[in-house]
């Protein structure tokens, strides 16, 4: 699945922890949903989108720098009609493309994206209950059903070999009873699941991706329930269910929800690995340390001197002025990239996931088959933890 360039960078990063493995490129701020836990469509709405010519120059620079993976995200990346061109631009230069979507792409868009080389996909799914997912997505009716239809289409067009599909699931007080179901559903359709704890900030401390909705914070009495969810999915992973997350990452979700210091940065002086392992690009192509922070100055990744800028000690110190004071995040890809490169157990787990023992895929699957699987998983007679009800009181997930 990875090009020779990507493999070379991954090996170098595993040895030296100083190679640009991963870039999150927010190709647009446009989105058709207003998810409760997301603020990025507002944060990045102040900048324009890159032209395809600028993206070609970015890809040329990334090839020179040895960038292994670029995540095309948003907003909703499929809002860009030229997304297949963007995918081909990176793939043709040996930069592996991941796509992250909320599931509102058409069949034609998906077919063209896969044909262009986009064989690595993540779709947001937080519940197997349509009404709950619709509420989380901002009150958009039938958004859950549309996500399943998009999964069906991807299983139709993605090759069984050399492809990767995952569900991005945000762990929050309102869906704790749904998490195990999502992992079971994902495994049944040959998709991995990756958890991200909800990130909440306030107006006095705005951060790019984090919601301002204070009701999404975990209450003290809910933390033991969340701990139980984490331990259950950890056990499921050992049982063979397709959970992507490492032990280090799962342990840090518990700490993060308690506002305690996380440990995934402990082997880098408690600072994240931006920009030496990863960084972000705004829709206009400017460098950002991550989705939460920006630099005071503009450094477009399409500039001819960006590869030299990236190596500059002066520039890296400028980035460090932002990353050092940061208390840390748990945005899946950033912590897991550091963990995979600095912790041996996670490194071996990743090798198994992508290289030595990837699971067989039971594709293609129809929308009707997925509905049947979801209903079966949802109605299995298992004990489920309590989730917070919309009226802020606890509810039982089976009620």
Protein backbone atom coordinates (compact mmCIF):
# COMPACT_ATOMS: atom_id res chain seq x y z
CA UNK A 1 0.00 0.00 0.00
CA UNK A 2 2.89 2.38 0.76
CA UNK A 3 5.25 3.63 -1.93
CA UNK A 4 9.01 3.13 -1.71
CA UNK A 5 9.32 6.80 -0.65
CA UNK A 6 6.80 6.32 2.15
CA UNK A 7 8.47 3.11 3.36
CA UNK A 8 11.88 4.80 3.37
CA UNK A 9 10.55 7.70 5.47
CA UNK A 10 8.76 5.35 7.87
CA UNK A 11 11.97 3.37 8.41
CA UNK A 12 13.99 6.53 8.95
CA UNK A 13 11.43 7.88 11.41
CA UNK A 14 11.37 4.59 13.31
CA UNK A 15 15.15 4.80 13.72
CA UNK A 16 15.70 8.51 14.33
CA UNK A 17 12.25 10.01 15.14
CA UNK A 18 13.07 12.91 12.84
CA UNK A 19 11.45 12.42 9.45
CA UNK A 20 8.20 13.96 8.13
CA UNK A 21 5.98 10.89 8.33
CA UNK A 22 2.55 12.49 8.39
CA UNK A 23 0.85 15.73 7.31
CA UNK A 24 -2.78 16.67 7.92
CA UNK A 25 -3.86 18.84 5.00
CA UNK A 26 -7.14 20.65 5.66
CA UNK A 27 -7.96 21.07 1.98
CA UNK A 28 -11.20 22.94 2.75
CA UNK A 29 -13.14 24.39 5.66
CA UNK A 30 -16.45 23.70 3.90
CA UNK A 31 -18.64 20.99 5.43
CA UNK A 32 -22.22 19.84 5.12
CA UNK A 33 -22.43 18.95 8.82
CA UNK A 34 -21.98 20.93 12.06
CA UNK A 35 -20.89 18.17 14.44
CA UNK A 36 -21.20 18.97 18.14
CA UNK A 37 -17.60 18.09 18.95
CA UNK A 38 -16.00 19.92 16.00
CA UNK A 39 -15.01 23.57 15.53
CA UNK A 40 -12.70 23.33 12.53
CA UNK A 41 -15.18 24.67 9.96
CA UNK A 42 -15.21 27.96 11.85
CA UNK A 43 -11.52 28.00 12.72
CA UNK A 44 -10.33 27.64 9.15
CA UNK A 45 -13.05 29.66 7.45
CA UNK A 46 -10.83 32.75 7.39
CA UNK A 47 -8.44 31.41 4.74
CA UNK A 48 -8.87 30.57 1.07
CA UNK A 49 -8.35 27.15 -0.49
CA UNK A 50 -5.22 26.17 -2.41
CA UNK A 51 -5.38 25.99 -6.18
CA UNK A 52 -4.43 22.74 -7.88
CA UNK A 53 -1.21 24.36 -9.16
CA UNK A 54 -0.23 25.28 -5.59
CA UNK A 55 -1.02 21.73 -4.48
CA UNK A 56 1.29 20.39 -7.20
CA UNK A 57 4.07 22.53 -5.78
CA UNK A 58 3.24 21.28 -2.26
CA UNK A 59 3.45 17.70 -3.50
CA UNK A 60 6.77 18.40 -5.21
CA UNK A 61 8.13 19.79 -1.95
CA UNK A 62 6.74 16.86 0.05
CA UNK A 63 8.44 14.46 -2.34
CA UNK A 64 11.76 16.26 -1.82
CA UNK A 65 11.24 16.21 1.95
CA UNK A 66 10.25 12.56 1.98
CA UNK A 67 6.77 13.03 3.46
CA UNK A 68 5.30 9.53 3.82
CA UNK A 69 1.58 10.16 4.35
CA UNK A 70 -0.75 13.09 3.72
CA UNK A 71 -4.23 13.05 5.23
CA UNK A 72 -6.74 14.95 3.10
CA UNK A 73 -9.34 16.25 5.49
CA UNK A 74 -11.48 19.32 6.11
CA UNK A 75 -14.16 20.35 6.64
CA UNK A 76 -15.37 17.70 4.24
CA UNK A 77 -12.69 17.01 1.61
CA UNK A 78 -15.24 15.67 -0.87
CA UNK A 79 -16.69 19.20 -0.96
CA UNK A 80 -13.80 19.89 -3.34
CA UNK A 81 -14.75 18.78 -6.85
CA UNK A 82 -11.06 18.46 -7.69
CA UNK A 83 -10.33 15.97 -4.89
CA UNK A 84 -9.42 13.13 -7.33
CA UNK A 85 -6.88 15.48 -8.97
CA UNK A 86 -5.45 16.30 -5.53
CA UNK A 87 -5.14 12.60 -4.69
CA UNK A 88 -3.40 11.84 -7.98
CA UNK A 89 -0.99 14.75 -7.51
CA UNK A 90 0.31 13.31 -4.24
CA UNK A 91 0.15 9.62 -5.18
CA UNK A 92 2.02 10.23 -8.45
CA UNK A 93 4.88 11.67 -6.41
CA UNK A 94 5.05 8.73 -4.02
CA UNK A 95 3.22 10.42 -1.12
CA UNK A 96 0.62 8.05 0.33
CA UNK A 97 -2.87 9.57 0.61
CA UNK A 98 -5.37 9.01 3.39
CA UNK A 99 -8.88 10.46 3.15
CA UNK A 100 -11.15 11.42 6.04
CA UNK A 101 -14.84 11.94 5.34
CA UNK A 102 -18.18 12.23 7.11
CA UNK A 103 -19.74 9.93 4.53
CA UNK A 104 -21.59 12.29 2.21
CA UNK A 105 -19.66 11.54 -0.98
CA UNK A 106 -21.50 10.30 -4.05
CA UNK A 107 -20.68 7.00 -5.75
CA UNK A 108 -19.13 8.86 -8.68
CA UNK A 109 -16.91 10.88 -6.35
CA UNK A 110 -15.77 7.75 -4.51
CA UNK A 111 -15.08 5.82 -7.71
CA UNK A 112 -12.97 8.68 -9.07
CA UNK A 113 -11.09 9.08 -5.77
CA UNK A 114 -10.19 5.38 -5.61
CA UNK A 115 -9.23 5.35 -9.29
CA UNK A 116 -6.89 8.28 -8.57
CA UNK A 117 -5.11 6.21 -5.91
CA UNK A 118 -7.11 6.96 -2.76
CA UNK A 119 -7.21 3.50 -1.17
CA UNK A 120 -6.94 4.55 2.48
CA UNK A 121 -10.17 5.89 4.02
CA UNK A 122 -11.57 6.89 7.39
CA UNK A 123 -15.29 7.57 7.94
CA UNK A 124 -16.77 9.16 11.06
CA UNK A 125 -19.13 6.88 13.00
CA UNK A 126 -19.96 7.48 16.67
CA UNK A 127 -22.98 5.23 17.18
CA UNK A 128 -25.03 2.42 15.66
CA UNK A 129 -28.18 4.34 16.58
CA UNK A 130 -29.25 6.59 13.73
CA UNK A 131 -31.01 9.18 15.86
CA UNK A 132 -27.99 9.57 18.14
CA UNK A 133 -25.54 9.91 15.25
CA UNK A 134 -27.80 12.45 13.56
CA UNK A 135 -27.85 14.53 16.75
CA UNK A 136 -24.07 14.34 17.15
CA UNK A 137 -23.73 15.43 13.52
CA UNK A 138 -25.63 18.63 14.27
CA UNK A 139 -29.21 17.45 13.85
CA UNK A 140 -28.90 16.36 10.22
CA UNK A 141 -31.55 13.77 9.42
CA UNK A 142 -30.44 10.47 7.86
CA UNK A 143 -26.73 11.33 8.12
CA UNK A 144 -26.12 7.93 9.78
CA UNK A 145 -27.80 6.10 6.92
CA UNK A 146 -25.80 8.11 4.41
CA UNK A 147 -22.55 7.14 6.16
CA UNK A 148 -23.46 3.45 5.80
CA UNK A 149 -24.28 3.94 2.12
CA UNK A 150 -20.86 5.52 1.65
CA UNK A 151 -19.20 2.58 3.41
CA UNK A 152 -21.05 0.27 1.02
CA UNK A 153 -19.67 2.19 -1.94
CA UNK A 154 -16.12 2.12 -0.64
CA UNK A 155 -16.29 -1.67 -0.17
CA UNK A 156 -17.39 -1.84 -3.80
CA UNK A 157 -14.50 0.18 -5.21
CA UNK A 158 -11.59 -0.29 -2.79
CA UNK A 159 -9.32 -3.22 -3.68
CA UNK A 160 -9.26 -6.01 -1.11
CA UNK A 161 -5.47 -5.97 -1.16
CA UNK A 162 -3.40 -2.87 -0.41
CA UNK A 163 -6.25 -0.82 1.02
CA UNK A 164 -7.18 0.31 4.52
CA UNK A 165 -10.56 1.37 5.90
CA UNK A 166 -11.36 2.62 9.38
CA UNK A 167 -14.09 4.22 11.46
CA UNK A 168 -13.25 7.37 13.40
CA UNK A 169 -15.25 7.32 16.63
CA UNK A 170 -15.33 10.25 19.06
CA UNK A 171 -15.69 9.06 22.65
CA UNK A 172 -17.95 11.46 24.57
CA UNK A 173 -20.41 11.25 27.47
CA UNK A 174 -23.40 10.81 25.17
CA UNK A 175 -22.14 7.69 23.36
CA UNK A 176 -20.18 5.65 25.91
CA UNK A 177 -22.68 2.82 25.61
CA UNK A 178 -22.20 2.77 21.84
CA UNK A 179 -18.44 2.33 21.62
CA UNK A 180 -18.28 -1.46 21.89
CA UNK A 181 -21.06 -1.75 19.32
CA UNK A 182 -19.13 0.43 16.86
CA UNK A 183 -15.99 -1.72 17.27
CA UNK A 184 -18.02 -4.91 16.78
CA UNK A 185 -19.74 -3.47 13.72
CA UNK A 186 -16.44 -2.29 12.24
CA UNK A 187 -14.88 -5.71 12.70
CA UNK A 188 -17.90 -7.41 11.10
CA UNK A 189 -17.44 -5.29 7.95
CA UNK A 190 -13.61 -5.59 7.99
CA UNK A 191 -13.01 -1.98 9.07
CA UNK A 192 -10.76 -0.91 11.95
CA UNK A 193 -12.02 1.51 14.60
CA UNK A 194 -9.99 4.33 16.13
CA UNK A 195 -11.15 6.28 19.18
CA UNK A 196 -10.64 9.99 19.81
CA UNK A 197 -11.76 11.53 23.11
CA UNK A 198 -13.84 14.67 22.81
CA UNK A 199 -11.76 17.87 23.05
CA UNK A 200 -13.36 20.87 24.79
CA UNK A 201 -12.00 24.40 25.22
CA UNK A 202 -13.50 27.75 26.17
CA UNK A 203 -13.73 31.18 24.59
CA UNK A 204 -10.87 32.47 26.73
CA UNK A 205 -8.57 29.75 25.35
CA UNK A 206 -9.72 29.05 21.77
CA UNK A 207 -7.99 26.14 20.05
CA UNK A 208 -8.50 25.20 16.43
CA UNK A 209 -10.39 21.93 16.51
CA UNK A 210 -11.91 21.93 20.00
CA UNK A 211 -15.58 22.52 20.67
CA UNK A 212 -16.77 25.27 22.99
CA UNK A 213 -19.71 23.11 24.17
CA UNK A 214 -18.97 22.68 27.87
CA UNK A 215 -21.69 20.06 28.23
CA UNK A 216 -19.46 17.61 26.35
CA UNK A 217 -16.93 17.48 29.18
CA UNK A 218 -16.89 14.26 31.20
CA UNK A 219 -18.29 14.67 34.70
CA UNK A 220 -16.37 13.13 37.62
CA UNK A 221 -19.00 10.46 38.15
CA UNK A 222 -18.79 9.48 34.47
CA UNK A 223 -15.04 8.83 34.49
CA UNK A 224 -15.26 5.30 35.96
CA UNK A 225 -17.77 4.43 33.22
CA UNK A 226 -15.37 5.77 30.60
CA UNK A 227 -12.54 3.74 32.16
CA UNK A 228 -14.68 0.62 31.81
CA UNK A 229 -15.28 1.40 28.13
CA UNK A 230 -11.54 1.77 27.52
CA UNK A 231 -10.72 -1.49 29.27
CA UNK A 232 -13.47 -3.34 27.42
CA UNK A 233 -12.27 -2.28 23.97
CA UNK A 234 -8.67 -3.03 24.98
CA UNK A 235 -9.74 -6.57 25.84
CA UNK A 236 -11.65 -6.78 22.56
CA UNK A 237 -8.52 -5.87 20.62
CA UNK A 238 -6.73 -8.77 22.27
CA UNK A 239 -9.67 -11.01 21.33
CA UNK A 240 -9.14 -10.14 17.68
CA UNK A 241 -11.52 -7.23 17.16
CA UNK A 242 -10.21 -4.54 14.83
CA UNK A 243 -9.31 -1.72 17.20
CA UNK A 244 -6.46 0.40 15.88
CA UNK A 245 -5.44 2.10 19.15
CA UNK A 246 -2.30 1.24 21.14
CA UNK A 247 -2.16 0.59 24.89
CA UNK A 248 -0.23 3.79 25.50
CA UNK A 249 -2.88 5.78 23.64
CA UNK A 250 -5.80 4.11 25.46
CA UNK A 251 -4.19 4.82 28.85
CA UNK A 252 -3.71 8.45 27.89
CA UNK A 253 -7.38 8.84 26.95
CA UNK A 254 -8.15 8.24 30.63
CA UNK A 255 -5.62 10.86 31.69
CA UNK A 256 -6.79 13.39 29.12
CA UNK A 257 -10.43 13.11 30.21
CA UNK A 258 -9.29 13.89 33.76
CA UNK A 259 -7.21 16.90 32.65
CA UNK A 260 -4.10 15.03 33.76
CA UNK A 261 -0.79 15.13 31.91
CA UNK A 262 -0.59 12.56 29.15
CA UNK A 263 2.51 10.35 28.76
CA UNK A 264 2.80 9.87 25.01
CA UNK A 265 5.16 12.88 24.79
CA UNK A 266 7.33 11.72 27.71
CA UNK A 267 10.16 10.48 25.47
CA UNK A 268 10.47 13.88 23.79
CA UNK A 269 10.76 16.15 26.83
CA UNK A 270 6.94 16.33 27.09
CA UNK A 271 6.69 18.15 23.77
CA UNK A 272 4.92 16.78 20.70
CA UNK A 273 6.87 15.73 17.60
CA UNK A 274 5.67 18.58 15.40
CA UNK A 275 7.30 19.32 12.99
CA UNK A 276 9.87 16.51 13.05
CA UNK A 277 7.31 13.69 12.59
CA UNK A 278 4.12 15.51 11.61
CA UNK A 279 2.46 18.86 11.06
CA UNK A 280 -0.65 20.41 9.49
CA UNK A 281 -1.47 22.57 6.49
CA UNK A 282 -4.27 25.12 6.48
CA UNK A 283 -6.63 25.19 3.47
CA UNK A 284 -4.45 27.92 1.92
CA UNK A 285 -1.37 25.69 2.15
CA UNK A 286 0.29 27.47 5.06
CA UNK A 287 2.19 25.45 7.65
CA UNK A 288 0.59 24.97 11.08
CA UNK A 289 2.08 22.97 13.96
CA UNK A 290 -1.22 21.08 14.28
CA UNK A 291 -4.97 21.57 13.93
CA UNK A 292 -5.14 23.50 17.22
CA UNK A 293 -2.36 26.04 16.67
CA UNK A 294 -0.97 28.41 14.06
CA UNK A 295 2.30 30.33 13.73
CA UNK A 296 2.38 34.10 13.75
CA UNK A 297 4.11 34.18 10.34
CA UNK A 298 3.05 32.65 7.04
CA UNK A 299 5.05 29.71 5.67
CA UNK A 300 3.29 28.33 2.57
CA UNK A 301 4.22 24.73 1.85
CA UNK A 302 4.10 25.53 -1.89
CA UNK A 303 6.92 28.08 -1.56
CA UNK A 304 10.10 26.98 -3.41
CA UNK A 305 12.16 27.27 -0.22
CA UNK A 306 9.80 25.34 2.07
CA UNK A 307 11.99 22.18 2.18
CA UNK A 308 14.92 24.34 3.29
CA UNK A 309 12.73 26.22 5.77
CA UNK A 310 11.62 22.89 7.24
CA UNK A 311 15.25 22.01 8.05
CA UNK A 312 16.08 25.43 9.50
CA UNK A 313 16.97 25.50 13.21
CA UNK A 314 15.69 29.06 13.49
CA UNK A 315 12.32 28.06 12.04
CA UNK A 316 12.08 24.98 14.24
CA UNK A 317 12.68 27.14 17.28
CA UNK A 318 9.83 29.36 16.13
CA UNK A 319 7.59 26.30 15.99
CA UNK A 320 8.82 25.19 19.41
CA UNK A 321 7.63 28.48 20.89
CA UNK A 322 4.12 27.20 20.14
CA UNK A 323 4.52 23.49 20.86
CA UNK A 324 6.44 23.72 24.16
CA UNK A 325 3.69 25.49 26.15
CA UNK A 326 0.94 23.24 24.73
CA UNK A 327 -0.59 20.92 27.32
CA UNK A 328 -1.10 18.24 24.68
CA UNK A 329 -3.92 16.65 22.75
CA UNK A 330 -5.32 13.23 21.97
CA UNK A 331 -6.12 13.69 18.29
CA UNK A 332 -5.48 10.08 17.34
CA UNK A 333 -2.95 10.43 14.55
CA UNK A 334 -0.51 12.77 16.29
CA UNK A 335 -0.14 10.78 19.54
CA UNK A 336 -0.22 7.44 17.73
CA UNK A 337 2.50 8.54 15.33
CA UNK A 338 4.77 9.50 18.21
CA UNK A 339 3.88 6.32 20.10
CA UNK A 340 4.54 4.13 17.06
CA UNK A 341 7.96 5.69 16.55
CA UNK A 342 9.07 5.89 20.19
CA UNK A 343 7.47 2.88 21.92
CA UNK A 344 8.51 -0.60 20.75
CA UNK A 345 5.27 -2.43 21.60
CA UNK A 346 3.24 -0.02 19.48
CA UNK A 347 5.80 -0.18 16.69
CA UNK A 348 5.41 -3.96 16.48
CA UNK A 349 1.63 -3.63 16.59
CA UNK A 350 1.67 -1.27 13.59
CA UNK A 351 3.91 -3.62 11.61
CA UNK A 352 1.36 -6.37 12.17
CA UNK A 353 -1.56 -4.16 11.21
CA UNK A 354 -0.16 -2.94 7.91
CA UNK A 355 2.53 -5.37 6.80
CA UNK A 356 2.62 -8.87 8.26
CA UNK A 357 -0.94 -9.76 9.22
CA UNK A 358 -3.61 -7.45 7.77
CA UNK A 359 -7.09 -8.96 8.19
CA UNK A 360 -8.98 -10.46 5.27
CA UNK A 361 -11.81 -8.30 3.91
CA UNK A 362 -15.34 -9.61 3.32
CA UNK A 363 -16.07 -6.99 0.66
CA UNK A 364 -18.16 -5.89 -1.14
CA UNK A 365 -21.03 -5.42 1.29
CA UNK A 366 -24.39 -3.88 0.45
CA UNK A 367 -26.13 -1.16 2.43
CA UNK A 368 -28.83 -3.69 3.36
CA UNK A 369 -26.20 -6.11 4.68
CA UNK A 370 -24.65 -3.32 6.75
CA UNK A 371 -28.07 -2.40 8.18
CA UNK A 372 -28.60 -6.04 9.12
CA UNK A 373 -25.19 -6.27 10.79
CA UNK A 374 -25.77 -3.00 12.66
CA UNK A 375 -29.17 -4.16 13.91
CA UNK A 376 -27.76 -7.51 15.01
CA UNK A 377 -24.90 -5.89 16.93
CA UNK A 378 -27.16 -3.21 18.41
CA UNK A 379 -29.63 -5.82 19.72
CA UNK A 380 -27.13 -8.31 21.11
CA UNK A 381 -28.03 -9.12 24.75
CA UNK A 382 -24.92 -7.64 26.35
CA UNK A 383 -24.52 -5.39 29.35
CA UNK A 384 -23.83 -1.88 28.15
CA UNK A 385 -22.51 1.09 30.13
CA UNK A 386 -24.56 4.17 30.82
CA UNK A 387 -24.50 7.08 28.39
CA UNK A 388 -25.62 10.57 29.25
CA UNK A 389 -29.07 11.29 27.85
CA UNK A 390 -29.79 14.43 25.77
CA UNK A 391 -31.51 15.95 28.82
CA UNK A 392 -28.18 15.57 30.64
CA UNK A 393 -29.49 12.72 32.80
CA UNK A 394 -28.03 9.22 32.53
CA UNK A 395 -29.81 6.75 30.28
CA UNK A 396 -29.35 3.06 29.66
CA UNK A 397 -28.33 2.41 26.10
CA UNK A 398 -30.93 -0.37 25.78
CA UNK A 399 -33.78 1.77 27.05
